[in-house]
Amino acid sequence: TAVVKLLEDGDITTNGKVMPKSDRVTAGQIIDVL
């Protein structure tokens, strides 16, 4: 629930872009989380 809220609030990004909930991650991908 907490992670989904961060996603909905735009607090999780990769390469400066907000990540949607449906995105799948890759090994070594750099993610910024407020």
Full PDB file with SEQRES, HELIX, SHEET, SSBOND, CRYST1, ORIGX, SCALE, CONECT and MASTER records, all heavy atoms in Angstrom:
SEQRES   1 A   34  THR ALA VAL VAL LYS LEU LEU GLU ASP GLY ASP ILE THR          
SEQRES   2 A   34  THR ASN GLY LYS VAL MET PRO LYS SER ASP ARG VAL THR          
SEQRES   3 A   34  ALA GLY GLN ILE ILE ASP VAL LEU                              
HELIX    1 AA1 ALA A    2  GLU A    8  1                                   7    
SHEET    1 AA1 3 LYS A  17  VAL A  18  0                                        
SHEET    2 AA1 3 ILE A  12  THR A  14 -1                                        
SHEET    3 AA1 3 ASP A  32  VAL A  33 -1                                        
CRYST1    1.000    1.000    1.000  90.00  90.00  90.00 P 1           1          
ORIGX1      1.000000  0.000000  0.000000        0.00000                         
ORIGX2      0.000000  1.000000  0.000000        0.00000                         
ORIGX3      0.000000  0.000000  1.000000        0.00000                         
SCALE1      1.000000  0.000000  0.000000        0.00000                         
SCALE2      0.000000  1.000000  0.000000        0.00000                         
SCALE3      0.000000  0.000000  1.000000        0.00000                         
ATOM      1  N   THR A   1       0.834  -1.206   0.000  1.00  0.00           N  
ATOM      2  CA  THR A   1       0.000   0.000   0.000  1.00  0.00           C  
ATOM      3  C   THR A   1       0.865   1.251   0.000  1.00  0.00           C  
ATOM      4  O   THR A   1       0.589   2.219  -0.722  1.00  0.00           O  
ATOM      5  CB  THR A   1      -0.926  -0.005   1.229  1.00  0.00           C  
ATOM      6  OG1 THR A   1      -1.763  -1.166   1.188  1.00  0.00           O  
ATOM      7  CG2 THR A   1      -1.799   1.233   1.254  1.00  0.00           C  
ATOM      8  N   ALA A   2       1.934   1.242   0.815  1.00  0.00           N  
ATOM      9  CA  ALA A   2       2.820   2.403   0.886  1.00  0.00           C  
ATOM     10  C   ALA A   2       3.545   2.617  -0.434  1.00  0.00           C  
ATOM     11  O   ALA A   2       3.700   3.757  -0.906  1.00  0.00           O  
ATOM     12  CB  ALA A   2       3.822   2.229   2.023  1.00  0.00           C  
ATOM     13  N   VAL A   3       3.987   1.521  -1.070  1.00  0.00           N  
ATOM     14  CA  VAL A   3       4.700   1.640  -2.352  1.00  0.00           C  
ATOM     15  C   VAL A   3       3.769   2.159  -3.434  1.00  0.00           C  
ATOM     16  O   VAL A   3       4.142   3.026  -4.237  1.00  0.00           O  
ATOM     17  CB  VAL A   3       5.314   0.282  -2.757  1.00  0.00           C  
ATOM     18  CG1 VAL A   3       5.876   0.358  -4.175  1.00  0.00           C  
ATOM     19  CG2 VAL A   3       6.417  -0.118  -1.781  1.00  0.00           C  
ATOM     20  N   VAL A   4       2.541   1.636  -3.459  1.00  0.00           N  
ATOM     21  CA  VAL A   4       1.579   2.097  -4.470  1.00  0.00           C  
ATOM     22  C   VAL A   4       1.301   3.592  -4.308  1.00  0.00           C  
ATOM     23  O   VAL A   4       1.209   4.325  -5.292  1.00  0.00           O  
ATOM     24  CB  VAL A   4       0.269   1.284  -4.370  1.00  0.00           C  
ATOM     25  CG1 VAL A   4      -0.840   1.932  -5.196  1.00  0.00           C  
ATOM     26  CG2 VAL A   4       0.503  -0.143  -4.850  1.00  0.00           C  
ATOM     27  N   LYS A   5       1.190   4.065  -3.080  1.00  0.00           N  
ATOM     28  CA  LYS A   5       0.963   5.498  -2.856  1.00  0.00           C  
ATOM     29  C   LYS A   5       2.141   6.325  -3.388  1.00  0.00           C  
ATOM     30  O   LYS A   5       1.946   7.384  -3.991  1.00  0.00           O  
ATOM     31  CB  LYS A   5       0.736   5.790  -1.377  1.00  0.00           C  
ATOM     32  CG  LYS A   5       0.346   7.256  -1.118  1.00  0.00           C  
ATOM     33  CD  LYS A   5      -0.002   7.503   0.319  1.00  0.00           C  
ATOM     34  CE  LYS A   5      -0.603   8.900   0.506  1.00  0.00           C  
ATOM     35  NZ  LYS A   5       0.209   9.979  -0.100  1.00  0.00           N  
ATOM     36  N   LEU A   6       3.360   5.838  -3.149  1.00  0.00           N  
ATOM     37  CA  LEU A   6       4.535   6.546  -3.672  1.00  0.00           C  
ATOM     38  C   LEU A   6       4.493   6.603  -5.195  1.00  0.00           C  
ATOM     39  O   LEU A   6       4.806   7.640  -5.808  1.00  0.00           O  
ATOM     40  CB  LEU A   6       5.824   5.854  -3.211  1.00  0.00           C  
ATOM     41  CG  LEU A   6       6.159   5.922  -1.722  1.00  0.00           C  
ATOM     42  CD1 LEU A   6       7.388   5.079  -1.422  1.00  0.00           C  
ATOM     43  CD2 LEU A   6       6.397   7.365  -1.280  1.00  0.00           C  
ATOM     44  N   LEU A   7       4.082   5.503  -5.824  1.00  0.00           N  
ATOM     45  CA  LEU A   7       3.966   5.479  -7.283  1.00  0.00           C  
ATOM     46  C   LEU A   7       2.900   6.459  -7.757  1.00  0.00           C  
ATOM     47  O   LEU A   7       3.110   7.228  -8.712  1.00  0.00           O  
ATOM     48  CB  LEU A   7       3.626   4.059  -7.756  1.00  0.00           C  
ATOM     49  CG  LEU A   7       4.770   3.038  -7.674  1.00  0.00           C  
ATOM     50  CD1 LEU A   7       4.218   1.622  -7.747  1.00  0.00           C  
ATOM     51  CD2 LEU A   7       5.779   3.275  -8.796  1.00  0.00           C  
ATOM     52  N   GLU A   8       1.761   6.463  -7.090  1.00  0.00           N  
ATOM     53  CA  GLU A   8       0.665   7.353  -7.481  1.00  0.00           C  
ATOM     54  C   GLU A   8       1.023   8.822  -7.285  1.00  0.00           C  
ATOM     55  O   GLU A   8       0.556   9.689  -8.032  1.00  0.00           O  
ATOM     56  CB  GLU A   8      -0.594   7.005  -6.688  1.00  0.00           C  
ATOM     57  CG  GLU A   8      -1.183   5.650  -7.074  1.00  0.00           C  
ATOM     58  CD  GLU A   8      -2.341   5.237  -6.180  1.00  0.00           C  
ATOM     59  OE1 GLU A   8      -2.489   5.841  -5.080  1.00  0.00           O  
ATOM     60  OE2 GLU A   8      -3.088   4.319  -6.566  1.00  0.00           O  
ATOM     61  N   ASP A   9       1.877   9.078  -6.283  1.00  0.00           N  
ATOM     62  CA  ASP A   9       2.288  10.460  -6.005  1.00  0.00           C  
ATOM     63  C   ASP A   9       3.466  10.903  -6.864  1.00  0.00           C  
ATOM     64  O   ASP A   9       3.938  12.045  -6.741  1.00  0.00           O  
ATOM     65  CB  ASP A   9       2.655  10.621  -4.525  1.00  0.00           C  
ATOM     66  CG  ASP A   9       1.448  10.503  -3.603  1.00  0.00           C  
ATOM     67  OD1 ASP A   9       0.311  10.563  -4.120  1.00  0.00           O  
ATOM     68  OD2 ASP A   9       1.637  10.331  -2.376  1.00  0.00           O  
ATOM     69  N   GLY A  10       3.966  10.007  -7.713  1.00  0.00           N  
ATOM     70  CA  GLY A  10       5.096  10.359  -8.575  1.00  0.00           C  
ATOM     71  C   GLY A  10       6.420  10.412  -7.849  1.00  0.00           C  
ATOM     72  O   GLY A  10       7.369  11.061  -8.313  1.00  0.00           O  
ATOM     73  N   ASP A  11       6.535   9.686  -6.717  1.00  0.00           N  
ATOM     74  CA  ASP A  11       7.748   9.738  -5.899  1.00  0.00           C  
ATOM     75  C   ASP A  11       8.755   8.647  -6.249  1.00  0.00           C  
ATOM     76  O   ASP A  11       9.797   8.531  -5.597  1.00  0.00           O  
ATOM     77  CB  ASP A  11       7.380   9.624  -4.416  1.00  0.00           C  
ATOM     78  CG  ASP A  11       6.635  10.853  -3.908  1.00  0.00           C  
ATOM     79  OD1 ASP A  11       6.816  11.927  -4.502  1.00  0.00           O  
ATOM     80  OD2 ASP A  11       5.871  10.723  -2.929  1.00  0.00           O  
ATOM     81  N   ILE A  12       8.449   7.852  -7.274  1.00  0.00           N  
ATOM     82  CA  ILE A  12       9.369   6.804  -7.718  1.00  0.00           C  
ATOM     83  C   ILE A  12       9.680   7.047  -9.189  1.00  0.00           C  
ATOM     84  O   ILE A  12       8.780   7.054 -10.037  1.00  0.00           O  
ATOM     85  CB  ILE A  12       8.763   5.407  -7.506  1.00  0.00           C  
ATOM     86  CG1 ILE A  12       8.476   5.175  -6.015  1.00  0.00           C  
ATOM     87  CG2 ILE A  12       9.687   4.324  -8.049  1.00  0.00           C  
ATOM     88  CD1 ILE A  12       7.799   3.860  -5.706  1.00  0.00           C  
ATOM     89  N   THR A  13      10.958   7.234  -9.489  1.00  0.00           N  
ATOM     90  CA  THR A  13      11.356   7.593 -10.858  1.00  0.00           C  
ATOM     91  C   THR A  13      12.546   6.761 -11.319  1.00  0.00           C  
ATOM     92  O   THR A  13      13.297   6.212 -10.502  1.00  0.00           O  
ATOM     93  CB  THR A  13      11.749   9.084 -10.940  1.00  0.00           C  
ATOM     94  OG1 THR A  13      12.843   9.339 -10.042  1.00  0.00           O  
ATOM     95  CG2 THR A  13      10.578   9.981 -10.566  1.00  0.00           C  
ATOM     96  N   THR A  14      12.707   6.673 -12.626  1.00  0.00           N  
ATOM     97  CA  THR A  14      13.888   6.077 -13.232  1.00  0.00           C  
ATOM     98  C   THR A  14      14.272   6.935 -14.440  1.00  0.00           C  
ATOM     99  O   THR A  14      13.398   7.315 -15.236  1.00  0.00           O  
ATOM    100  CB  THR A  14      13.639   4.611 -13.649  1.00  0.00           C  
ATOM    101  OG1 THR A  14      14.859   4.048 -14.149  1.00  0.00           O  
ATOM    102  CG2 THR A  14      12.558   4.490 -14.713  1.00  0.00           C  
ATOM    103  N   ASN A  15      15.536   7.310 -14.512  1.00  0.00           N  
ATOM    104  CA  ASN A  15      16.007   8.224 -15.563  1.00  0.00           C  
ATOM    105  C   ASN A  15      15.197   9.512 -15.593  1.00  0.00           C  
ATOM    106  O   ASN A  15      14.927  10.071 -16.668  1.00  0.00           O  
ATOM    107  CB  ASN A  15      15.949   7.540 -16.940  1.00  0.00           C  
ATOM    108  CG  ASN A  15      16.929   6.395 -17.060  1.00  0.00           C  
ATOM    109  OD1 ASN A  15      18.036   6.461 -16.520  1.00  0.00           O  
ATOM    110  ND2 ASN A  15      16.537   5.338 -17.759  1.00  0.00           N  
ATOM    111  N   GLY A  16      14.766   9.965 -14.426  1.00  0.00           N  
ATOM    112  CA  GLY A  16      14.023  11.218 -14.326  1.00  0.00           C  
ATOM    113  C   GLY A  16      12.561  11.110 -14.697  1.00  0.00           C  
ATOM    114  O   GLY A  16      11.840  12.112 -14.672  1.00  0.00           O  
ATOM    115  N   LYS A  17      12.079   9.919 -15.018  1.00  0.00           N  
ATOM    116  CA  LYS A  17      10.688   9.739 -15.427  1.00  0.00           C  
ATOM    117  C   LYS A  17       9.913   8.985 -14.343  1.00  0.00           C  
ATOM    118  O   LYS A  17      10.403   8.003 -13.779  1.00  0.00           O  
ATOM    119  CB  LYS A  17      10.615   8.962 -16.744  1.00  0.00           C  
ATOM    120  CG  LYS A  17      11.251   9.697 -17.923  1.00  0.00           C  
ATOM    121  CD  LYS A  17      11.128   8.873 -19.200  1.00  0.00           C  
ATOM    122  CE  LYS A  17      11.758   9.609 -20.387  1.00  0.00           C  
ATOM    123  NZ  LYS A  17      11.676   8.804 -21.626  1.00  0.00           N  
ATOM    124  N   VAL A  18       8.701   9.465 -14.089  1.00  0.00           N  
ATOM    125  CA  VAL A  18       7.844   8.804 -13.101  1.00  0.00           C  
ATOM    126  C   VAL A  18       7.476   7.412 -13.591  1.00  0.00           C  
ATOM    127  O   VAL A  18       7.138   7.202 -14.755  1.00  0.00           O  
ATOM    128  CB  VAL A  18       6.560   9.635 -12.862  1.00  0.00           C  
ATOM    129  CG1 VAL A  18       5.578   8.872 -11.977  1.00  0.00           C  
ATOM    130  CG2 VAL A  18       6.914  10.974 -12.225  1.00  0.00           C  
ATOM    131  N   MET A  19       7.543   6.432 -12.682  1.00  0.00           N  
ATOM    132  CA  MET A  19       7.255   5.050 -13.054  1.00  0.00           C  
ATOM    133  C   MET A  19       5.801   4.693 -12.771  1.00  0.00           C  
ATOM    134  O   MET A  19       5.308   4.923 -11.654  1.00  0.00           O  
ATOM    135  CB  MET A  19       8.169   4.094 -12.282  1.00  0.00           C  
ATOM    136  CG  MET A  19       9.647   4.293 -12.550  1.00  0.00           C  
ATOM    137  SD  MET A  19      10.678   2.989 -11.795  1.00  0.00           S  
ATOM    138  CE  MET A  19      10.244   1.571 -12.822  1.00  0.00           C  
ATOM    139  N   PRO A  20       5.089   4.149 -13.731  1.00  0.00           N  
ATOM    140  CA  PRO A  20       3.716   3.674 -13.482  1.00  0.00           C  
ATOM    141  C   PRO A  20       3.731   2.322 -12.776  1.00  0.00           C  
ATOM    142  O   PRO A  20       4.731   1.597 -12.798  1.00  0.00           O  
ATOM    143  CB  PRO A  20       3.127   3.548 -14.894  1.00  0.00           C  
ATOM    144  CG  PRO A  20       4.304   3.315 -15.775  1.00  0.00           C  
ATOM    145  CD  PRO A  20       5.459   4.047 -15.149  1.00  0.00           C  
ATOM    146  N   LYS A  21       2.598   1.970 -12.162  1.00  0.00           N  
ATOM    147  CA  LYS A  21       2.519   0.735 -11.403  1.00  0.00           C  
ATOM    148  C   LYS A  21       2.725  -0.510 -12.264  1.00  0.00           C  
ATOM    149  O   LYS A  21       3.147  -1.549 -11.765  1.00  0.00           O  
ATOM    150  CB  LYS A  21       1.151   0.636 -10.707  1.00  0.00           C  
ATOM    151  CG  LYS A  21       0.982   1.578  -9.536  1.00  0.00           C  
ATOM    152  CD  LYS A  21      -0.324   1.340  -8.817  1.00  0.00           C  
ATOM    153  CE  LYS A  21      -1.506   1.779  -9.660  1.00  0.00           C  
ATOM    154  NZ  LYS A  21      -2.785   1.679  -8.905  1.00  0.00           N  
ATOM    155  N   SER A  22       2.422  -0.408 -13.531  1.00  0.00           N  
ATOM    156  CA  SER A  22       2.504  -1.582 -14.399  1.00  0.00           C  
ATOM    157  C   SER A  22       3.917  -1.876 -14.897  1.00  0.00           C  
ATOM    158  O   SER A  22       4.163  -2.920 -15.490  1.00  0.00           O  
ATOM    159  CB  SER A  22       1.583  -1.398 -15.607  1.00  0.00           C  
ATOM    160  OG  SER A  22       1.948  -0.232 -16.328  1.00  0.00           O  
ATOM    161  N   ASP A  23       4.860  -0.973 -14.667  1.00  0.00           N  
ATOM    162  CA  ASP A  23       6.232  -1.180 -15.130  1.00  0.00           C  
ATOM    163  C   ASP A  23       6.854  -2.397 -14.461  1.00  0.00           C  
ATOM    164  O   ASP A  23       6.619  -2.668 -13.285  1.00  0.00           O  
ATOM    165  CB  ASP A  23       7.097   0.045 -14.819  1.00  0.00           C  
ATOM    166  CG  ASP A  23       7.100   1.053 -15.953  1.00  0.00           C  
ATOM    167  OD1 ASP A  23       6.249   0.926 -16.860  1.00  0.00           O  
ATOM    168  OD2 ASP A  23       7.952   1.960 -15.924  1.00  0.00           O  
ATOM    169  N   ARG A  24       7.674  -3.109 -15.228  1.00  0.00           N  
ATOM    170  CA  ARG A  24       8.451  -4.203 -14.671  1.00  0.00           C  
ATOM    171  C   ARG A  24       9.923  -3.794 -14.626  1.00  0.00           C  
ATOM    172  O   ARG A  24      10.399  -3.095 -15.524  1.00  0.00           O  
ATOM    173  CB  ARG A  24       8.266  -5.489 -15.477  1.00  0.00           C  
ATOM    174  CG  ARG A  24       6.842  -6.016 -15.381  1.00  0.00           C  
ATOM    175  CD  ARG A  24       6.657  -7.381 -16.016  1.00  0.00           C  
ATOM    176  NE  ARG A  24       5.276  -7.841 -15.848  1.00  0.00           N  
ATOM    177  CZ  ARG A  24       4.837  -8.520 -14.803  1.00  0.00           C  
ATOM    178  NH1 ARG A  24       5.685  -8.839 -13.834  1.00  0.00           N  
ATOM    179  NH2 ARG A  24       3.579  -8.894 -14.709  1.00  0.00           N  
ATOM    180  N   VAL A  25      10.609  -4.227 -13.580  1.00  0.00           N  
ATOM    181  CA  VAL A  25      11.981  -3.774 -13.370  1.00  0.00           C  
ATOM    182  C   VAL A  25      12.973  -4.744 -14.000  1.00  0.00           C  
ATOM    183  O   VAL A  25      12.667  -5.915 -14.228  1.00  0.00           O  
ATOM    184  CB  VAL A  25      12.284  -3.623 -11.870  1.00  0.00           C  
ATOM    185  CG1 VAL A  25      11.380  -2.574 -11.247  1.00  0.00           C  
ATOM    186  CG2 VAL A  25      12.126  -4.958 -11.134  1.00  0.00           C  
ATOM    187  N   THR A  26      14.168  -4.249 -14.273  1.00  0.00           N  
ATOM    188  CA  THR A  26      15.245  -5.070 -14.815  1.00  0.00           C  
ATOM    189  C   THR A  26      16.431  -5.035 -13.872  1.00  0.00           C  
ATOM    190  O   THR A  26      16.624  -4.065 -13.131  1.00  0.00           O  
ATOM    191  CB  THR A  26      15.665  -4.567 -16.203  1.00  0.00           C  
ATOM    192  OG1 THR A  26      16.083  -3.192 -16.096  1.00  0.00           O  
ATOM    193  CG2 THR A  26      14.516  -4.654 -17.198  1.00  0.00           C  
ATOM    194  N   ALA A  27      17.227  -6.087 -13.892  1.00  0.00           N  
ATOM    195  CA  ALA A  27      18.390  -6.165 -13.016  1.00  0.00           C  
ATOM    196  C   ALA A  27      19.344  -5.008 -13.303  1.00  0.00           C  
ATOM    197  O   ALA A  27      19.657  -4.719 -14.464  1.00  0.00           O  
ATOM    198  CB  ALA A  27      19.106  -7.501 -13.212  1.00  0.00           C  
ATOM    199  N   GLY A  28      19.777  -4.318 -12.249  1.00  0.00           N  
ATOM    200  CA  GLY A  28      20.707  -3.213 -12.399  1.00  0.00           C  
ATOM    201  C   GLY A  28      20.056  -1.878 -12.710  1.00  0.00           C  
ATOM    202  O   GLY A  28      20.740  -0.846 -12.744  1.00  0.00           O  
ATOM    203  N   GLN A  29      18.750  -1.878 -12.924  1.00  0.00           N  
ATOM    204  CA  GLN A  29      18.046  -0.628 -13.200  1.00  0.00           C  
ATOM    205  C   GLN A  29      18.160   0.315 -11.999  1.00  0.00           C  
ATOM    206  O   GLN A  29      18.013  -0.094 -10.855  1.00  0.00           O  
ATOM    207  CB  GLN A  29      16.581  -0.921 -13.496  1.00  0.00           C  
ATOM    208  CG  GLN A  29      15.738   0.310 -13.844  1.00  0.00           C  
ATOM    209  CD  GLN A  29      14.292  -0.066 -14.162  1.00  0.00           C  
ATOM    210  OE1 GLN A  29      13.917  -1.234 -14.082  1.00  0.00           O  
ATOM    211  NE2 GLN A  29      13.490   0.913 -14.526  1.00  0.00           N  
ATOM    212  N   ILE A  30      18.454   1.584 -12.263  1.00  0.00           N  
ATOM    213  CA  ILE A  30      18.598   2.568 -11.202  1.00  0.00           C  
ATOM    214  C   ILE A  30      17.256   3.262 -10.969  1.00  0.00           C  
ATOM    215  O   ILE A  30      16.659   3.808 -11.903  1.00  0.00           O  
ATOM    216  CB  ILE A  30      19.674   3.615 -11.542  1.00  0.00           C  
ATOM    217  CG1 ILE A  30      21.015   2.915 -11.812  1.00  0.00           C  
ATOM    218  CG2 ILE A  30      19.810   4.619 -10.403  1.00  0.00           C  
ATOM    219  CD1 ILE A  30      21.538   2.096 -10.640  1.00  0.00           C  
ATOM    220  N   ILE A  31      16.804   3.198  -9.723  1.00  0.00           N  
ATOM    221  CA  ILE A  31      15.502   3.775  -9.372  1.00  0.00           C  
ATOM    222  C   ILE A  31      15.687   4.730  -8.198  1.00  0.00           C  
ATOM    223  O   ILE A  31      16.398   4.423  -7.238  1.00  0.00           O  
ATOM    224  CB  ILE A  31      14.497   2.670  -9.006  1.00  0.00           C  
ATOM    225  CG1 ILE A  31      14.231   1.778 -10.221  1.00  0.00           C  
ATOM    226  CG2 ILE A  31      13.188   3.255  -8.481  1.00  0.00           C  
ATOM    227  CD1 ILE A  31      13.334   0.590  -9.921  1.00  0.00           C  
ATOM    228  N   ASP A  32      15.061   5.897  -8.296  1.00  0.00           N  
ATOM    229  CA  ASP A  32      15.076   6.884  -7.214  1.00  0.00           C  
ATOM    230  C   ASP A  32      13.731   6.845  -6.491  1.00  0.00           C  
ATOM    231  O   ASP A  32      12.674   6.895  -7.141  1.00  0.00           O  
ATOM    232  CB  ASP A  32      15.320   8.291  -7.757  1.00  0.00           C  
ATOM    233  CG  ASP A  32      16.719   8.457  -8.331  1.00  0.00           C  
ATOM    234  OD1 ASP A  32      17.669   7.983  -7.683  1.00  0.00           O  
ATOM    235  OD2 ASP A  32      16.869   9.046  -9.413  1.00  0.00           O  
ATOM    236  N   VAL A  33      13.788   6.767  -5.174  1.00  0.00           N  
ATOM    237  CA  VAL A  33      12.567   6.690  -4.369  1.00  0.00           C  
ATOM    238  C   VAL A  33      12.606   7.778  -3.306  1.00  0.00           C  
ATOM    239  O   VAL A  33      13.548   7.840  -2.506  1.00  0.00           O  
ATOM    240  CB  VAL A  33      12.431   5.315  -3.681  1.00  0.00           C  
ATOM    241  CG1 VAL A  33      11.126   5.255  -2.888  1.00  0.00           C  
ATOM    242  CG2 VAL A  33      12.505   4.190  -4.698  1.00  0.00           C  
ATOM    243  N   LEU A  34      11.603   8.655  -3.335  1.00  0.00           N  
ATOM    244  CA  LEU A  34      11.451   9.633  -2.261  1.00  0.00           C  
ATOM    245  C   LEU A  34      10.674   8.928  -1.159  1.00  0.00           C  
ATOM    246  O   LEU A  34       9.466   8.734  -1.261  1.00  0.00           O  
ATOM    247  CB  LEU A  34      10.697  10.869  -2.760  1.00  0.00           C  
ATOM    248  CG  LEU A  34      10.622  12.058  -1.789  1.00  0.00           C  
ATOM    249  CD1 LEU A  34      12.025  12.543  -1.424  1.00  0.00           C  
ATOM    250  CD2 LEU A  34       9.807  13.198  -2.403  1.00  0.00           C  
TER     251      LEU A  34                                                      
MASTER        0    0    0    1    3    0    0    6  250    1    0    3          
END                                                                             
